[in-house]
Every structure is written in structure tokens, then in C-alpha cells.
Amino acid sequence: MTGHGYIRRRPSSKRVILISSCALLLAACRPPLGDDLPRPVGVGRTGDGQLRFVVPLCDGETISSFEVADWETERLVWKVSEPNRPDEQKGMIVLGDARGFSKQENSLTSPVPPHLDVGVRLSSERPTGSAFLRDKVPENLADSTQVVNWIGKATPQSEESFRQEVDADYC
């Protein structure tokens, strides 16, 4: 007996096993750690002002398909698949330019809507994409290697810097 008038009991082995089993079960059911946001896509402009997308790829990944939809109506604007040129295979895509793909499943129609949702299917099946306002992609990015990315940074950064950040965060 202790000085307070009660006896301290040791936990039974059955109770210890039950508590340990519950803790292991809860740990197994916990979702995996990591970023649940899709991997971002960078957006820039070509020399003539067309939208240019940069899809950073992890080692061994390839692009299966690339699509752009109207974010407000969910209407598909443009979809291509099966890249067959090195630029597209490395994740460089110009909106409406299907020459680097074996299949164009939906032709680009004009005008391009103001709210765009970009989705990329990768060989790794990891979610990749971004949504953005067409008019918020700065015109002064034309013919530069800078891109913007609304998931992480809305200020322009070099394509190389963007690829390195995504590689460090997602690969």
C-alpha cells in the first residue's frame, strides 16, 4: 500500500497486448505522409506569346497524356497523348501544338477560355496538374525560360529552378 490508501496495480499482460495491438492497427490505417497536392506544372510563353507548359518528370517517368480544360465548365479544350518527340517526352508542351504527339484526342478550339485546368497523366500515375488564369501568365515571359506556378509561387522563376524545386519536393 502507498501512503494514499490505494494499491498500485501493474497492468496485466493482456491489457498491454491489447493496447499495443490497437496502436499498431491505428498506425497501419494512418494515411501515408507526404504532399497530397498534385505535382505542379509550370506555365510560360513561347516567343509568339503562346502558352508553354513545363511538366517536371522524375527519373524514369514519361508523359502518357496532356489535357487542358475550362476550369469553370469542365469542358475539354485540348488533349494529346503518346508523345513522340524529345521535347514533349522531357515535359515541354505548347498549347495547341500536337506535332509532338501520336494522338490528338481533342483539337484546340478558339478562343482559349480564361480559366484553365491542366492535367497530366504520367507513367507513374502520380497526380500532376495546375489551374490558372490565362491572362495572369505575364506577357513578358514570351521567349524566356521563365515559368510561373500557382501551387508554389506566382512570381516567375527560371525553368531550371522550377524543375529543381519540383524534383526536391516530389521525386
C-alpha atoms as a PDB file:
ATOM      1  CA  MET A   1       0.000   0.000   0.000  1.00  0.00           C
ATOM      2  CA  THR A   2       1.116   3.532  -0.671  1.00  0.00           C
ATOM      3  CA  GLY A   3       0.741   6.459   1.650  1.00  0.00           C
ATOM      4  CA  HIS A   4      -2.517   7.475  -0.039  1.00  0.00           C
ATOM      5  CA  GLY A   5      -4.506   4.391   0.846  1.00  0.00           C
ATOM      6  CA  TYR A   6      -4.619   2.634  -2.522  1.00  0.00           C
ATOM      7  CA  ILE A   7      -2.657  -0.146  -4.077  1.00  0.00           C
ATOM      8  CA  ARG A   8      -0.974   0.478  -7.377  1.00  0.00           C
ATOM      9  CA  ARG A   9      -1.623  -2.402  -9.716  1.00  0.00           C
ATOM     10  CA  ARG A  10       0.621  -3.381 -12.555  1.00  0.00           C
ATOM     11  CA  PRO A  11      -1.086  -3.585 -15.940  1.00  0.00           C
ATOM     12  CA  SER A  12      -1.895  -7.133 -16.970  1.00  0.00           C
ATOM     13  CA  SER A  13      -0.073  -8.600 -19.938  1.00  0.00           C
ATOM     14  CA  LYS A  14      -3.424  -8.949 -21.755  1.00  0.00           C
ATOM     15  CA  ARG A  15      -4.040  -5.240 -21.353  1.00  0.00           C
ATOM     16  CA  VAL A  16      -0.557  -4.359 -22.592  1.00  0.00           C
ATOM     17  CA  ILE A  17      -1.032  -6.600 -25.645  1.00  0.00           C
ATOM     18  CA  LEU A  18      -4.464  -5.080 -26.361  1.00  0.00           C
ATOM     19  CA  ILE A  19      -3.160  -1.513 -26.152  1.00  0.00           C
ATOM     20  CA  SER A  20      -0.118  -2.363 -28.297  1.00  0.00           C
ATOM     21  CA  SER A  21      -2.316  -4.053 -30.913  1.00  0.00           C
ATOM     22  CA  CYS A  22      -4.627  -1.035 -31.102  1.00  0.00           C
ATOM     23  CA  ALA A  23      -1.655   1.317 -31.507  1.00  0.00           C
ATOM     24  CA  LEU A  24      -0.237  -0.814 -34.337  1.00  0.00           C
ATOM     25  CA  LEU A  25      -3.635  -1.010 -36.019  1.00  0.00           C
ATOM     26  CA  LEU A  26      -4.058   2.760 -35.875  1.00  0.00           C
ATOM     27  CA  ALA A  27      -0.554   3.302 -37.253  1.00  0.00           C
ATOM     28  CA  ALA A  28      -1.276   0.934 -40.155  1.00  0.00           C
ATOM     29  CA  CYS A  29      -4.528   2.745 -41.002  1.00  0.00           C
ATOM     30  CA  ARG A  30      -2.955   6.202 -40.982  1.00  0.00           C
ATOM     31  CA  PRO A  31      -2.641   7.711 -44.489  1.00  0.00           C
ATOM     32  CA  PRO A  32       0.924   7.962 -45.784  1.00  0.00           C
ATOM     33  CA  LEU A  33       2.828  11.131 -45.100  1.00  0.00           C
ATOM     34  CA  GLY A  34       3.728  13.407 -47.952  1.00  0.00           C
ATOM     35  CA  ASP A  35       2.254  16.157 -50.030  1.00  0.00           C
ATOM     36  CA  ASP A  36      -1.231  15.317 -51.266  1.00  0.00           C
ATOM     37  CA  LEU A  37      -1.274  18.234 -53.707  1.00  0.00           C
ATOM     38  CA  PRO A  38      -0.679  17.332 -57.330  1.00  0.00           C
ATOM     39  CA  ARG A  39       2.784  17.935 -58.674  1.00  0.00           C
ATOM     40  CA  PRO A  40       2.697  21.422 -60.239  1.00  0.00           C
ATOM     41  CA  VAL A  41       3.009  22.312 -63.895  1.00  0.00           C
ATOM     42  CA  GLY A  42       4.917  25.469 -64.811  1.00  0.00           C
ATOM     43  CA  VAL A  43       3.421  27.889 -67.333  1.00  0.00           C
ATOM     44  CA  GLY A  44       5.370  30.245 -69.568  1.00  0.00           C
ATOM     45  CA  ARG A  45       5.086  31.701 -73.060  1.00  0.00           C
ATOM     46  CA  THR A  46       6.707  30.985 -76.396  1.00  0.00           C
ATOM     47  CA  GLY A  47       8.306  33.736 -78.490  1.00  0.00           C
ATOM     48  CA  ASP A  48       4.972  34.423 -80.195  1.00  0.00           C
ATOM     49  CA  GLY A  49       3.073  34.507 -76.877  1.00  0.00           C
ATOM     50  CA  GLN A  50       1.527  31.016 -76.923  1.00  0.00           C
ATOM     51  CA  LEU A  51       1.158  29.229 -73.583  1.00  0.00           C
ATOM     52  CA  ARG A  52       4.052  26.867 -72.899  1.00  0.00           C
ATOM     53  CA  PHE A  53       3.865  24.196 -70.180  1.00  0.00           C
ATOM     54  CA  VAL A  54       6.728  22.641 -68.257  1.00  0.00           C
ATOM     55  CA  VAL A  55       5.985  19.246 -66.715  1.00  0.00           C
ATOM     56  CA  PRO A  56       8.890  18.194 -64.469  1.00  0.00           C
ATOM     57  CA  LEU A  57       9.458  14.453 -64.629  1.00  0.00           C
ATOM     58  CA  CYS A  58      11.113  12.213 -62.054  1.00  0.00           C
ATOM     59  CA  ASP A  59      13.687   9.640 -63.171  1.00  0.00           C
ATOM     60  CA  GLY A  60      12.111   7.005 -65.383  1.00  0.00           C
ATOM     61  CA  GLU A  61       8.796   8.851 -65.811  1.00  0.00           C
ATOM     62  CA  THR A  62       7.176   9.662 -69.121  1.00  0.00           C
ATOM     63  CA  ILE A  63       4.069  11.587 -70.101  1.00  0.00           C
ATOM     64  CA  SER A  64       1.141   9.449 -71.225  1.00  0.00           C
ATOM     65  CA  SER A  65      -1.306  12.273 -71.958  1.00  0.00           C
ATOM     66  CA  PHE A  66      -1.745  16.016 -71.511  1.00  0.00           C
ATOM     67  CA  GLU A  67      -5.058  17.856 -71.357  1.00  0.00           C
ATOM     68  CA  VAL A  68      -6.354  21.353 -70.833  1.00  0.00           C
ATOM     69  CA  ALA A  69      -9.936  22.001 -69.728  1.00  0.00           C
ATOM     70  CA  ASP A  70     -12.050  25.051 -68.988  1.00  0.00           C
ATOM     71  CA  TRP A  71     -11.904  25.188 -65.193  1.00  0.00           C
ATOM     72  CA  GLU A  72     -15.369  26.769 -64.867  1.00  0.00           C
ATOM     73  CA  THR A  73     -17.318  24.463 -67.196  1.00  0.00           C
ATOM     74  CA  GLU A  74     -15.002  21.397 -67.134  1.00  0.00           C
ATOM     75  CA  ARG A  75     -15.214  21.365 -70.945  1.00  0.00           C
ATOM     76  CA  LEU A  76     -12.178  19.720 -72.518  1.00  0.00           C
ATOM     77  CA  VAL A  77     -10.250  22.312 -74.532  1.00  0.00           C
ATOM     78  CA  TRP A  78      -7.324  20.246 -75.844  1.00  0.00           C
ATOM     79  CA  LYS A  79      -5.997  16.734 -75.270  1.00  0.00           C
ATOM     80  CA  VAL A  80      -2.996  14.914 -76.719  1.00  0.00           C
ATOM     81  CA  SER A  81      -1.309  11.630 -75.863  1.00  0.00           C
ATOM     82  CA  GLU A  82       1.645   9.422 -76.729  1.00  0.00           C
ATOM     83  CA  PRO A  83       4.481  11.945 -77.114  1.00  0.00           C
ATOM     84  CA  ASN A  84       6.919  11.050 -79.875  1.00  0.00           C
ATOM     85  CA  ARG A  85       9.460  13.922 -79.833  1.00  0.00           C
ATOM     86  CA  PRO A  86      12.184  14.555 -77.244  1.00  0.00           C
ATOM     87  CA  ASP A  87      10.794  17.940 -76.066  1.00  0.00           C
ATOM     88  CA  GLU A  88       7.393  16.502 -75.188  1.00  0.00           C
ATOM     89  CA  GLN A  89       8.990  13.432 -73.636  1.00  0.00           C
ATOM     90  CA  LYS A  90      11.019  15.778 -71.406  1.00  0.00           C
ATOM     91  CA  GLY A  91       7.890  17.650 -70.368  1.00  0.00           C
ATOM     92  CA  MET A  92       7.824  20.724 -72.638  1.00  0.00           C
ATOM     93  CA  ILE A  93       4.432  21.274 -74.289  1.00  0.00           C
ATOM     94  CA  VAL A  94       2.994  24.219 -76.251  1.00  0.00           C
ATOM     95  CA  LEU A  95      -0.793  24.616 -76.106  1.00  0.00           C
ATOM     96  CA  GLY A  96      -2.317  23.601 -79.432  1.00  0.00           C
ATOM     97  CA  ASP A  97       0.893  22.144 -80.905  1.00  0.00           C
ATOM     98  CA  ALA A  98       0.112  18.446 -81.379  1.00  0.00           C
ATOM     99  CA  ARG A  99       3.065  17.742 -83.686  1.00  0.00           C
ATOM    100  CA  GLY A 100       4.991  16.030 -80.884  1.00  0.00           C
ATOM    101  CA  PHE A 101       2.221  13.547 -80.109  1.00  0.00           C
ATOM    102  CA  SER A 102       0.955  10.457 -81.890  1.00  0.00           C
ATOM    103  CA  LYS A 103      -2.646  11.177 -80.913  1.00  0.00           C
ATOM    104  CA  GLN A 104      -4.663  14.369 -80.694  1.00  0.00           C
ATOM    105  CA  GLU A 105      -7.863  13.363 -78.954  1.00  0.00           C
ATOM    106  CA  ASN A 106      -9.351  16.847 -78.887  1.00  0.00           C
ATOM    107  CA  SER A 107      -8.331  19.736 -81.156  1.00  0.00           C
ATOM    108  CA  LEU A 108      -7.761  23.178 -79.677  1.00  0.00           C
ATOM    109  CA  THR A 109     -10.681  25.498 -80.276  1.00  0.00           C
ATOM    110  CA  SER A 110     -10.542  29.271 -80.112  1.00  0.00           C
ATOM    111  CA  PRO A 111     -10.800  31.293 -78.072  1.00  0.00           C
ATOM    112  CA  VAL A 112      -8.900  29.709 -75.206  1.00  0.00           C
ATOM    113  CA  PRO A 113     -11.020  30.164 -72.048  1.00  0.00           C
ATOM    114  CA  PRO A 114      -9.743  32.456 -69.286  1.00  0.00           C
ATOM    115  CA  HIS A 115      -9.740  29.792 -66.529  1.00  0.00           C
ATOM    116  CA  LEU A 116      -7.642  26.763 -67.406  1.00  0.00           C
ATOM    117  CA  ASP A 117      -7.136  23.446 -65.655  1.00  0.00           C
ATOM    118  CA  VAL A 118      -4.125  21.440 -66.832  1.00  0.00           C
ATOM    119  CA  GLY A 119      -3.969  17.713 -66.174  1.00  0.00           C
ATOM    120  CA  VAL A 120      -1.095  15.391 -66.980  1.00  0.00           C
ATOM    121  CA  ARG A 121      -1.133  11.617 -66.884  1.00  0.00           C
ATOM    122  CA  LEU A 122       2.299  10.214 -66.121  1.00  0.00           C
ATOM    123  CA  SER A 123       3.607   6.672 -66.394  1.00  0.00           C
ATOM    124  CA  SER A 124       3.987   6.727 -62.585  1.00  0.00           C
ATOM    125  CA  GLU A 125       0.260   7.570 -62.139  1.00  0.00           C
ATOM    126  CA  ARG A 126       1.193  10.406 -59.732  1.00  0.00           C
ATOM    127  CA  PRO A 127      -1.286  13.315 -59.883  1.00  0.00           C
ATOM    128  CA  THR A 128       0.153  16.233 -61.810  1.00  0.00           C
ATOM    129  CA  GLY A 129      -1.515  19.467 -62.871  1.00  0.00           C
ATOM    130  CA  SER A 130      -2.296  23.104 -62.184  1.00  0.00           C
ATOM    131  CA  ALA A 131      -5.151  25.544 -62.592  1.00  0.00           C
ATOM    132  CA  PHE A 132      -4.535  29.139 -63.571  1.00  0.00           C
ATOM    133  CA  LEU A 133      -5.920  32.249 -65.215  1.00  0.00           C
ATOM    134  CA  ARG A 134      -4.739  32.602 -68.820  1.00  0.00           C
ATOM    135  CA  ASP A 135      -4.360  36.379 -68.561  1.00  0.00           C
ATOM    136  CA  LYS A 136      -2.256  36.107 -65.392  1.00  0.00           C
ATOM    137  CA  VAL A 137       0.592  34.423 -67.257  1.00  0.00           C
ATOM    138  CA  PRO A 138       2.760  37.504 -67.857  1.00  0.00           C
ATOM    139  CA  GLU A 139       3.289  38.530 -71.472  1.00  0.00           C
ATOM    140  CA  ASN A 140       6.901  39.422 -70.642  1.00  0.00           C
ATOM    141  CA  LEU A 141       7.631  35.689 -70.247  1.00  0.00           C
ATOM    142  CA  ALA A 142       7.497  35.389 -74.054  1.00  0.00           C
ATOM    143  CA  ASP A 143      10.654  33.830 -75.438  1.00  0.00           C
ATOM    144  CA  SER A 144      12.203  33.453 -71.973  1.00  0.00           C
ATOM    145  CA  THR A 145      12.960  30.389 -69.913  1.00  0.00           C
ATOM    146  CA  GLN A 146      10.842  31.610 -67.006  1.00  0.00           C
ATOM    147  CA  VAL A 147       7.640  29.984 -65.772  1.00  0.00           C
ATOM    148  CA  VAL A 148       5.038  30.594 -63.081  1.00  0.00           C
ATOM    149  CA  ASN A 149       3.427  28.010 -60.848  1.00  0.00           C
ATOM    150  CA  TRP A 150       0.394  28.902 -58.753  1.00  0.00           C
ATOM    151  CA  ILE A 151       0.710  25.955 -56.390  1.00  0.00           C
ATOM    152  CA  GLY A 152       4.041  27.156 -55.064  1.00  0.00           C
ATOM    153  CA  LYS A 153       4.991  30.556 -56.456  1.00  0.00           C
ATOM    154  CA  ALA A 154       3.121  33.118 -58.515  1.00  0.00           C
ATOM    155  CA  THR A 155       6.319  35.022 -59.296  1.00  0.00           C
ATOM    156  CA  PRO A 156       8.286  33.961 -62.374  1.00  0.00           C
ATOM    157  CA  GLN A 157      11.292  31.730 -61.867  1.00  0.00           C
ATOM    158  CA  SER A 158      13.676  30.023 -64.249  1.00  0.00           C
ATOM    159  CA  GLU A 159      12.541  26.743 -65.730  1.00  0.00           C
ATOM    160  CA  GLU A 160      15.644  25.051 -64.300  1.00  0.00           C
ATOM    161  CA  SER A 161      14.919  26.376 -60.797  1.00  0.00           C
ATOM    162  CA  PHE A 162      11.296  25.230 -61.093  1.00  0.00           C
ATOM    163  CA  ARG A 163      12.369  21.730 -62.186  1.00  0.00           C
ATOM    164  CA  GLN A 164      14.869  21.503 -59.300  1.00  0.00           C
ATOM    165  CA  GLU A 165      12.244  22.535 -56.714  1.00  0.00           C
ATOM    166  CA  VAL A 166       9.727  20.022 -58.007  1.00  0.00           C
ATOM    167  CA  ASP A 167      12.395  17.315 -58.101  1.00  0.00           C
ATOM    168  CA  ALA A 168      13.312  18.014 -54.464  1.00  0.00           C
ATOM    169  CA  ASP A 169       9.679  18.108 -53.310  1.00  0.00           C
ATOM    170  CA  TYR A 170       8.120  15.283 -55.341  1.00  0.00           C
ATOM    171  CA  CYS A 171      10.776  12.889 -56.674  1.00  0.00           C
END
